Protein backbone atom coordinates (compact mmCIF):
# COMPACT_ATOMS: atom_id res chain seq x y z
CA MET A 1 -16.98 -47.91 50.56
CA ARG A 2 -14.21 -47.75 53.02
CA ARG A 3 -11.10 -45.81 51.86
CA THR A 4 -7.69 -47.30 52.37
CA SER A 5 -5.55 -45.04 54.52
CA LEU A 6 -1.94 -44.25 53.66
CA ALA A 7 -0.91 -45.96 56.79
CA ALA A 8 -2.56 -49.18 55.64
CA LEU A 9 -0.58 -49.12 52.49
CA CYS A 10 2.69 -48.62 54.18
CA LEU A 11 4.22 -52.01 54.53
CA SER A 12 6.09 -53.36 57.56
CA LEU A 13 9.53 -54.57 56.44
CA ALA A 14 9.85 -56.69 59.51
CA ALA A 15 6.55 -58.47 59.03
CA GLY A 16 5.80 -60.98 56.39
CA MET A 17 7.73 -63.86 55.08
CA ALA A 18 7.54 -63.79 51.29
CA ALA A 19 10.80 -64.58 49.57
CA ALA A 20 12.24 -62.60 46.67
CA GLY A 21 10.57 -63.67 43.51
CA ASP A 22 7.24 -64.73 45.08
CA LEU A 23 4.63 -63.32 42.72
CA ALA A 24 0.88 -62.73 43.08
CA PHE A 25 -1.24 -62.76 39.88
CA VAL A 26 -4.33 -60.84 40.92
CA THR A 27 -7.27 -60.74 38.53
CA CYS A 28 -9.11 -57.39 38.76
CA GLN A 29 -12.60 -57.71 37.41
CA ASN A 30 -13.70 -54.09 37.29
CA GLY A 31 -10.39 -52.94 35.86
CA ASP A 32 -10.23 -55.57 33.08
CA ALA A 33 -6.66 -56.25 34.19
CA LEU A 34 -4.33 -58.43 36.15
CA SER A 35 -2.05 -56.87 38.75
CA LEU A 36 1.29 -58.67 38.96
CA ILE A 37 2.73 -58.10 42.46
CA ASP A 38 6.20 -58.96 43.72
CA LEU A 39 5.54 -60.14 47.31
CA GLY A 40 9.17 -59.90 48.28
CA THR A 41 9.54 -56.15 47.45
CA ARG A 42 5.81 -55.43 48.05
CA ALA A 43 5.49 -53.74 44.67
CA GLU A 44 3.06 -53.97 41.78
CA LEU A 45 5.31 -54.81 38.85
CA ARG A 46 2.81 -54.34 36.03
CA ARG A 47 -0.85 -54.32 35.02
CA ILE A 48 -1.72 -56.70 32.21
CA PRO A 49 -4.87 -55.93 30.23
CA LEU A 50 -7.48 -58.72 30.48
CA PRO A 51 -10.76 -57.64 28.84
CA GLY A 52 -14.08 -59.22 29.70
CA LYS A 53 -14.15 -59.02 33.46
CA PRO A 54 -11.55 -61.53 34.66
CA ALA A 55 -12.01 -63.55 37.86
CA GLY A 56 -10.76 -67.10 37.71
CA ILE A 57 -6.93 -67.58 37.85
CA ALA A 58 -4.48 -70.45 37.85
CA VAL A 59 -0.72 -69.94 37.76
CA ALA A 60 1.69 -72.43 36.13
CA ALA A 61 5.16 -73.27 37.43
CA ASP A 62 6.87 -71.42 34.57
CA GLY A 63 5.16 -68.16 35.54
CA SER A 64 2.57 -68.19 32.83
CA PHE A 65 -1.04 -68.09 33.92
CA TYR A 66 -4.62 -69.01 32.87
CA ALA A 67 -7.36 -66.45 33.44
CA VAL A 68 -11.11 -66.67 32.86
CA SER A 69 -12.98 -63.51 31.77
CA ALA A 70 -16.65 -64.31 32.52
CA ASP A 71 -18.32 -61.55 30.48
CA SER A 72 -16.49 -62.44 27.24
CA LYS A 73 -16.54 -66.18 28.03
CA THR A 74 -12.87 -66.34 27.34
CA LEU A 75 -10.05 -68.46 28.75
CA ARG A 76 -6.59 -67.00 28.08
CA HIS A 77 -3.05 -68.44 28.64
CA LEU A 78 -0.50 -65.62 28.96
CA ASP A 79 3.13 -65.42 29.99
CA ARG A 80 4.10 -63.20 32.98
CA GLU A 81 4.90 -60.36 30.62
CA GLY A 82 1.34 -60.42 29.29
CA ALA A 83 2.06 -62.03 25.94
CA LEU A 84 -0.87 -64.21 24.69
CA LEU A 85 0.06 -67.87 24.33
CA ALA A 86 -3.40 -69.27 23.63
CA GLU A 87 -7.03 -68.32 23.81
CA ARG A 88 -10.33 -70.12 23.77
CA VAL A 89 -13.90 -68.68 23.79
CA LEU A 90 -16.24 -71.05 25.66
CA ASP A 91 -19.99 -71.19 25.03
CA GLY A 92 -21.45 -71.29 28.58
CA GLY A 93 -20.67 -69.49 31.81
CA PRO A 94 -16.95 -70.00 32.53
CA ILE A 95 -15.82 -68.92 36.01
CA GLY A 96 -13.32 -71.14 37.86
CA VAL A 97 -10.07 -72.59 36.54
CA ALA A 98 -7.51 -75.10 37.75
CA LEU A 99 -4.37 -76.60 36.20
CA ASP A 100 -3.00 -80.17 36.44
CA PRO A 101 0.56 -80.15 35.12
CA ALA A 102 0.83 -83.98 35.53
CA THR A 103 -1.84 -84.67 32.92
CA GLY A 104 -1.37 -81.47 30.89
CA HIS A 105 -4.98 -80.48 31.36
CA VAL A 106 -6.60 -77.23 32.40
CA PHE A 107 -10.12 -77.33 33.84
CA VAL A 108 -12.82 -74.59 33.63
CA SER A 109 -16.17 -74.70 35.45
CA ASP A 110 -19.33 -73.81 33.55
CA TRP A 111 -21.70 -72.00 35.84
CA TYR A 112 -24.67 -72.31 33.42
CA ASN A 113 -24.48 -75.87 32.25
CA ALA A 114 -23.32 -78.00 35.19
CA ARG A 115 -20.11 -79.13 33.63
CA ILE A 116 -16.31 -78.74 33.66
CA TRP A 117 -14.44 -78.26 30.40
CA VAL A 118 -11.28 -80.28 30.16
CA LEU A 119 -8.77 -78.53 27.84
CA ASP A 120 -5.27 -79.13 26.66
CA ALA A 121 -3.05 -76.87 28.76
CA ALA A 122 -0.74 -75.92 25.86
CA THR A 123 -3.31 -75.28 23.07
CA LEU A 124 -6.58 -74.92 25.03
CA ALA A 125 -8.11 -77.41 22.60
CA PRO A 126 -11.14 -79.15 24.11
CA VAL A 127 -10.51 -82.68 25.36
CA THR A 128 -13.80 -83.70 27.06
CA GLU A 129 -16.41 -82.48 29.52
CA LEU A 130 -17.30 -83.63 33.04
CA GLU A 131 -20.76 -83.45 34.50
CA THR A 132 -21.18 -81.72 37.88
CA GLY A 133 -23.91 -80.57 40.16
CA ALA A 134 -25.70 -77.29 39.37
CA ALA A 135 -23.67 -74.08 39.01
CA PRO A 136 -20.07 -75.31 39.53
CA ALA A 137 -17.79 -72.45 40.70
CA GLY A 138 -14.50 -73.09 42.47
CA LEU A 139 -12.11 -75.86 41.32
CA ALA A 140 -9.12 -77.42 43.10
CA VAL A 141 -6.50 -80.03 42.13
CA TRP A 142 -4.37 -82.17 44.54
CA GLY A 143 -3.10 -85.66 44.87
CA GLY A 144 -4.64 -87.03 41.71
CA LEU A 145 -8.02 -85.54 42.44
CA LEU A 146 -10.12 -82.70 41.00
CA ALA A 147 -12.83 -81.11 43.10
CA SER A 148 -15.65 -78.78 42.07
CA ALA A 149 -17.84 -76.68 44.37
CA ASP A 150 -21.29 -77.04 42.83
CA ARG A 151 -23.01 -74.00 44.30
CA ASP A 152 -26.64 -74.52 43.39
CA GLY A 153 -26.39 -78.26 44.01
CA ASP A 154 -25.14 -77.86 47.61
CA MET A 155 -22.48 -80.40 46.88
CA VAL A 156 -18.94 -81.01 45.95
CA SER A 157 -18.02 -83.27 42.99
CA VAL A 158 -14.71 -85.21 43.20
CA PHE A 159 -13.08 -86.73 40.05
CA ASP A 160 -10.04 -88.93 39.45
CA LEU A 161 -7.49 -86.85 37.45
CA GLY A 162 -6.01 -89.90 35.69
CA THR A 163 -9.24 -91.42 34.42
CA LEU A 164 -11.49 -88.30 34.72
CA ALA A 165 -14.09 -90.62 36.34
CA LEU A 166 -16.51 -89.25 38.95
CA LEU A 167 -15.63 -90.61 42.34
CA HIS A 168 -18.07 -88.85 44.66
CA ARG A 169 -20.73 -86.26 45.00
CA ILE A 170 -20.56 -85.02 48.61
CA PRO A 171 -23.42 -83.06 50.17
CA VAL A 172 -22.12 -79.95 51.92
CA GLY A 173 -23.59 -76.68 53.26
CA THR A 174 -25.68 -74.20 51.39
CA ARG A 175 -24.18 -72.78 48.14
CA PRO A 176 -20.50 -73.84 48.27
CA PHE A 177 -18.32 -71.50 46.19
CA GLY A 178 -14.58 -71.70 46.92
CA LEU A 179 -12.72 -74.79 48.03
CA GLY A 180 -9.19 -76.03 48.56
CA PHE A 181 -7.23 -79.11 49.65
CA ALA A 182 -5.31 -78.94 52.94
CA PRO A 183 -1.75 -80.24 52.98
CA ASP A 184 -2.93 -83.58 54.40
CA GLY A 185 -5.52 -84.03 51.63
CA ARG A 186 -8.63 -83.05 53.48
CA LEU A 187 -10.96 -80.83 51.34
CA PHE A 188 -12.47 -77.63 52.70
CA ALA A 189 -15.44 -75.85 50.96
CA GLY A 190 -16.75 -72.48 51.96
CA ASN A 191 -20.59 -72.33 51.92
CA VAL A 192 -21.70 -68.84 51.20
CA GLY A 193 -25.41 -69.56 52.04
CA SER A 194 -24.92 -71.23 55.44
CA ASN A 195 -21.88 -69.26 56.69
CA ASP A 196 -19.83 -72.42 57.37
CA VAL A 197 -17.05 -74.53 56.00
CA THR A 198 -17.51 -78.25 55.20
CA VAL A 199 -14.46 -80.43 55.82
CA MET A 200 -14.34 -83.67 53.75
CA ASP A 201 -12.36 -86.78 53.10
CA PRO A 202 -12.36 -86.61 49.31
CA ARG A 203 -11.14 -90.12 48.78
CA GLU A 204 -13.80 -91.66 50.97
CA GLY A 205 -16.53 -89.18 49.95
CA THR A 206 -17.47 -88.38 53.53
CA VAL A 207 -18.00 -85.20 55.61
CA ILE A 208 -15.65 -84.88 58.59
CA ALA A 209 -16.97 -81.70 60.14
CA THR A 210 -18.98 -78.53 59.53
CA LEU A 211 -17.38 -75.41 61.01
CA PRO A 212 -19.04 -71.99 61.54
CA VAL A 213 -17.12 -69.02 60.13
CA GLY A 214 -18.03 -65.42 59.24
CA GLU A 215 -20.71 -64.08 56.96
CA ARG A 216 -20.53 -65.37 53.36
CA PRO A 217 -17.32 -67.43 53.28
CA TYR A 218 -15.69 -67.37 49.84
CA GLY A 219 -12.17 -68.74 49.54
CA VAL A 220 -9.89 -70.95 51.63
CA ALA A 221 -6.08 -71.37 51.90
CA PHE A 222 -3.60 -73.09 54.20
CA ALA A 223 -0.46 -72.12 56.03
CA ALA A 224 1.33 -72.76 59.36
CA GLY A 225 -1.04 -75.62 60.33
CA ARG A 226 -4.11 -73.52 59.85
CA ALA A 227 -6.93 -72.90 57.40
CA PHE A 228 -7.75 -69.28 56.41
CA VAL A 229 -11.19 -68.45 55.14
CA THR A 230 -12.32 -65.12 53.55
CA ASN A 231 -15.69 -63.81 54.73
CA GLN A 232 -17.06 -61.42 52.10
CA TYR A 233 -19.73 -59.68 54.08
CA ALA A 234 -17.73 -59.51 57.33
CA ASP A 235 -14.57 -57.98 55.85
CA SER A 236 -12.59 -60.65 57.70
CA VAL A 237 -10.65 -63.86 57.54
CA SER A 238 -11.53 -66.80 59.89
CA VAL A 239 -8.62 -68.86 61.07
CA ILE A 240 -9.06 -72.57 61.91
CA ASP A 241 -6.56 -74.95 63.53
CA LEU A 242 -6.03 -77.86 61.19
CA ALA A 243 -5.18 -80.39 63.93
CA THR A 244 -8.25 -79.72 66.10
CA LEU A 245 -10.60 -77.90 63.69
CA ASP A 246 -11.12 -75.38 66.45
CA PRO A 247 -11.43 -71.66 65.67
CA VAL A 248 -8.25 -69.69 66.31
CA ALA A 249 -8.95 -66.06 65.46
CA THR A 250 -10.89 -63.67 63.22
CA ILE A 251 -8.71 -61.11 61.39
CA GLU A 252 -10.06 -57.88 59.96
CA VAL A 253 -8.87 -57.27 56.29
CA GLY A 254 -10.09 -55.02 53.54
CA GLU A 255 -13.56 -54.53 52.15
CA TYR A 256 -15.25 -57.57 50.59
CA PRO A 257 -12.37 -60.13 50.65
CA GLU A 258 -12.54 -62.85 48.06
CA GLY A 259 -9.51 -64.72 46.70
CA ILE A 260 -6.92 -66.04 49.16
CA ASP A 261 -3.63 -67.86 48.72
CA THR A 262 -0.33 -68.34 50.52
CA ALA A 263 3.39 -67.83 49.90
CA GLY A 264 5.50 -69.45 52.55
CA GLY A 265 4.35 -67.98 55.85
CA MET A 266 2.34 -65.17 54.26
CA VAL A 267 -1.37 -65.21 53.54
CA VAL A 268 -2.50 -62.92 50.69
CA VAL A 269 -6.16 -61.75 50.55
CA ALA A 270 -7.73 -59.94 47.63
CA ASN A 271 -10.18 -57.27 48.72
CA TRP A 272 -12.64 -56.65 45.86
CA PHE A 273 -14.19 -53.38 47.07
CA GLU A 274 -10.99 -51.81 48.37
CA ASN A 275 -8.55 -52.37 45.45
CA THR A 276 -5.93 -53.90 47.68
CA VAL A 277 -4.43 -57.19 48.74
CA THR A 278 -3.99 -57.67 52.49
CA LEU A 279 -0.89 -59.50 53.79
CA ILE A 280 -1.17 -61.67 56.93
CA ASP A 281 1.68 -63.28 58.85
CA ALA A 282 0.37 -66.88 59.16
CA ALA A 283 2.37 -67.55 62.34
CA THR A 284 1.54 -64.42 64.35
CA LEU A 285 -1.78 -63.68 62.66
CA GLU A 286 -0.84 -60.06 62.42
CA VAL A 287 -1.74 -57.94 59.39
CA ALA A 288 1.63 -57.12 57.72
CA GLY A 289 0.22 -54.43 55.37
CA ALA A 290 -1.54 -53.98 52.12
CA ILE A 291 -0.67 -53.40 48.47
CA GLY A 292 -2.81 -51.50 45.95
CA THR A 293 -4.11 -53.21 42.80
CA ALA A 294 -6.17 -52.36 39.73
CA ASP A 295 -9.90 -51.96 40.24
CA GLY A 296 -11.92 -54.84 41.67
CA PRO A 297 -9.37 -57.55 42.71
CA ARG A 298 -10.92 -61.03 42.89
CA ALA A 299 -8.09 -63.55 42.41
CA PHE A 300 -10.50 -66.48 42.38
CA GLY A 301 -8.26 -69.59 42.38
CA GLN A 302 -4.54 -70.37 42.84
CA PHE A 303 -2.86 -66.97 42.13
CA ILE A 304 0.59 -67.13 43.84
CA LEU A 305 3.82 -68.42 42.33
CA GLU A 306 6.56 -69.03 44.85
CA GLY A 307 10.24 -68.66 44.21
CA SER A 308 10.00 -67.52 40.59
CA GLY A 309 13.38 -65.83 40.74
């Protein structure tokens, strides 16, 4: 395992664009914890205990968060201080989580049983279940749509958030895992088995393009007119121009990058094997520094809250 140098942990004050109060909620699987990081000051504020090997994360607008601990099969809703608001033990293989404030639902993917749990966001009481392709992993919500990356089905399922009806099952590359909606509504899925990204029109249920990236793409995020894709085995982030879908750059980050999210013009990458998050300036594509975390940061989902004060 590569060791992080002191220089890599020293942060450039001139680089980066996070505002005061932008927070990163980084689930750390090996450490059974969540590292809460202030991106404005570049400081870890606290470590919140999360037993059961947490991975999936979704942050609410009030600064509370939903975290999935896969080993204990537990979904927790906690406030930013770490106080438990609600908890639900699920009976399958929970992994990914997404929140829809408009309907008051939280969604959790069940790796083992090809389904998504729909739960009440306040109480975590079960509402219903949605059928997916085999081994659903990443979830994303945008524009009245819910999308699921169905890894072993080599497809993405798209649902209407209002009716919870299935709209499409879209064939993609091999073993899609993470996915995200671009600002214009296009849907990007990282295919860990074929080392590419599928770009879709989720309303039409069609594939727009298939784009090669690095080895084992995992998560995707968007900033400054670009898509940023973490490549687990390449220790890198692939950058794609959203207007042309052409490759722009490949950026070296920490070891085994997984979760990725954005705050303003900053891209934040969780490096599982290096116990850091890497900060990238989305405009210049320069690495702005790194911040240490608890052991095994994964941050699988939407983990940044902007402008929390």
